[in-house]
């Protein structure tokens, strides 16, 4: 299996931008413009920083034979294939959000990342783990 690089989940970023605009309008209409400006500033800072880190390869999620590896800032984390109990795919308006459940019952969610159904099916077969969610009936692991 070649390395699968998860893609940016533009749906989640779009929702975040829409919610920011909604809260800005809501707080501005109630006359609390300082809070509205704070919300816009914090949200914009988070979105821009997050996308910039992804472009600079400081944030990523990879799936390969060894399991999942993901990097946030300067620390790389690994979910070894022996530790993976299940992979869950949640489909929200066309975006497939992946989360991993470990045998220790710990869950790791990759909310800002999206993956193709075929790629996650291959990963579930390779790791010999359960695939939960939208695509469960399509996998014969």
Protein backbone atom coordinates (compact mmCIF):
# COMPACT_ATOMS: atom_id res chain seq x y z
CA UNK A 1 0.00 0.00 0.00
CA UNK A 2 1.34 3.39 -0.93
CA UNK A 3 1.15 6.25 1.53
CA UNK A 4 -2.24 7.96 1.65
CA UNK A 5 -2.10 11.67 2.40
CA UNK A 6 -5.32 12.98 3.84
CA UNK A 7 -6.59 16.19 2.24
CA UNK A 8 -7.75 19.43 3.77
CA UNK A 9 -11.42 19.19 4.73
CA UNK A 10 -12.65 22.43 3.17
CA UNK A 11 -16.19 21.72 4.41
CA UNK A 12 -15.13 22.10 8.06
CA UNK A 13 -13.25 25.31 7.32
CA UNK A 14 -16.29 26.66 5.42
CA UNK A 15 -18.58 25.88 8.34
CA UNK A 16 -16.18 27.61 10.68
CA UNK A 17 -16.15 30.72 8.48
CA UNK A 18 -19.97 30.73 8.24
CA UNK A 19 -20.34 30.36 12.02
CA UNK A 20 -17.87 33.17 12.57
CA UNK A 21 -19.87 35.43 10.27
CA UNK A 22 -23.11 34.42 12.01
CA UNK A 23 -21.72 35.15 15.48
CA UNK A 24 -20.28 38.46 14.24
CA UNK A 25 -23.67 39.55 12.91
CA UNK A 26 -25.43 38.31 16.04
CA UNK A 27 -23.14 40.08 18.51
CA UNK A 28 -22.96 43.24 16.39
CA UNK A 29 -26.75 43.48 16.27
CA UNK A 30 -26.90 43.27 20.08
CA UNK A 31 -24.39 46.10 20.38
CA UNK A 32 -21.50 43.99 21.66
CA UNK A 33 -19.08 44.90 18.90
CA UNK A 34 -15.97 44.22 20.99
CA UNK A 35 -16.98 40.58 21.43
CA UNK A 36 -17.85 40.36 17.74
CA UNK A 37 -14.43 41.69 16.77
CA UNK A 38 -12.74 39.30 19.19
CA UNK A 39 -14.59 36.33 17.69
CA UNK A 40 -13.67 37.33 14.13
CA UNK A 41 -10.06 37.96 15.08
CA UNK A 42 -9.60 34.68 16.95
CA UNK A 43 -11.34 32.63 14.28
CA UNK A 44 -9.39 34.28 11.45
CA UNK A 45 -6.13 33.74 13.30
CA UNK A 46 -6.94 30.05 13.83
CA UNK A 47 -7.99 29.42 10.22
CA UNK A 48 -5.06 31.26 8.65
CA UNK A 49 -2.52 29.67 11.03
CA UNK A 50 -3.96 26.20 10.50
CA UNK A 51 -3.92 26.44 6.70
CA UNK A 52 -0.46 28.02 6.70
CA UNK A 53 0.93 25.19 8.84
CA UNK A 54 -0.57 22.64 6.45
CA UNK A 55 1.02 24.36 3.46
CA UNK A 56 4.39 24.45 5.25
CA UNK A 57 4.11 20.69 5.99
CA UNK A 58 3.97 21.33 9.75
CA UNK A 59 0.58 19.60 9.90
CA UNK A 60 -0.28 16.43 8.03
CA UNK A 61 -1.92 13.01 8.33
CA UNK A 62 -0.50 9.98 6.51
CA UNK A 63 -1.73 6.41 6.35
CA UNK A 64 0.71 3.67 5.35
CA UNK A 65 1.60 0.07 6.24
CA UNK A 66 2.81 1.08 9.70
CA UNK A 67 -0.45 2.84 10.58
CA UNK A 68 -1.37 6.49 10.95
CA UNK A 69 1.19 9.23 11.43
CA UNK A 70 0.18 12.79 12.02
CA UNK A 71 2.10 15.93 12.82
CA UNK A 72 0.97 19.02 14.65
CA UNK A 73 3.59 21.75 14.91
CA UNK A 74 6.85 20.08 15.84
CA UNK A 75 5.64 16.77 17.26
CA UNK A 76 4.90 13.71 15.16
CA UNK A 77 2.44 11.17 16.57
CA UNK A 78 2.01 7.56 15.49
CA UNK A 79 -0.92 5.16 15.69
CA UNK A 80 0.67 1.79 15.02
CA UNK A 81 -1.43 -0.66 13.00
CA UNK A 82 -1.38 -3.19 15.87
CA UNK A 83 -3.06 -0.65 18.16
CA UNK A 84 -5.92 0.22 15.78
CA UNK A 85 -9.22 -1.45 16.72
CA UNK A 86 -11.51 0.38 14.30
CA UNK A 87 -11.61 3.15 11.74
CA UNK A 88 -14.76 5.26 11.67
CA UNK A 89 -15.85 7.32 8.69
CA UNK A 90 -18.51 9.96 9.17
CA UNK A 91 -19.87 11.49 5.99
CA UNK A 92 -21.10 15.04 6.35
CA UNK A 93 -22.38 16.67 3.14
CA UNK A 94 -19.85 14.90 0.95
CA UNK A 95 -16.84 15.19 3.27
CA UNK A 96 -15.54 12.00 4.84
CA UNK A 97 -14.25 12.67 8.36
CA UNK A 98 -11.99 9.95 9.74
CA UNK A 99 -11.54 8.91 13.34
CA UNK A 100 -9.50 6.04 14.72
CA UNK A 101 -10.35 3.97 17.78
CA UNK A 102 -7.44 2.24 19.46
CA UNK A 103 -7.58 -1.02 21.39
CA UNK A 104 -7.00 1.05 24.54
CA UNK A 105 -10.40 2.72 23.78
CA UNK A 106 -8.69 6.03 23.00
CA UNK A 107 -10.20 7.86 20.01
CA UNK A 108 -8.31 10.15 17.66
CA UNK A 109 -10.41 12.29 15.31
CA UNK A 110 -9.07 13.99 12.21
CA UNK A 111 -11.77 16.63 11.87
CA UNK A 112 -9.86 18.96 9.58
CA UNK A 113 -8.90 16.15 7.18
CA UNK A 114 -10.77 14.24 4.49
CA UNK A 115 -10.05 10.96 2.68
CA UNK A 116 -11.45 8.95 -0.23
CA UNK A 117 -13.67 5.98 0.60
CA UNK A 118 -11.53 3.58 -1.45
CA UNK A 119 -8.36 4.61 0.38
CA UNK A 120 -9.88 4.13 3.82
CA UNK A 121 -11.26 0.73 2.78
CA UNK A 122 -7.76 -0.35 1.71
CA UNK A 123 -6.37 0.85 5.03
CA UNK A 124 -9.01 -1.08 7.02
CA UNK A 125 -8.20 -4.26 5.08
CA UNK A 126 -4.48 -3.74 5.56
CA UNK A 127 -4.80 -3.14 9.30
CA UNK A 128 -7.37 -5.95 9.62
CA UNK A 129 -9.66 -3.71 11.64
CA UNK A 130 -13.33 -2.88 11.63
CA UNK A 131 -14.58 -0.07 9.41
CA UNK A 132 -17.53 1.76 10.95
CA UNK A 133 -19.80 4.32 9.35
CA UNK A 134 -21.04 5.12 5.88
CA UNK A 135 -18.97 2.46 4.15
CA UNK A 136 -19.25 -0.46 6.57
CA UNK A 137 -21.26 -2.69 4.22
CA UNK A 138 -18.79 -2.19 1.37
CA UNK A 139 -15.76 -3.62 3.21
CA UNK A 140 -15.03 -7.28 3.62
CA UNK A 141 -12.09 -7.09 6.01
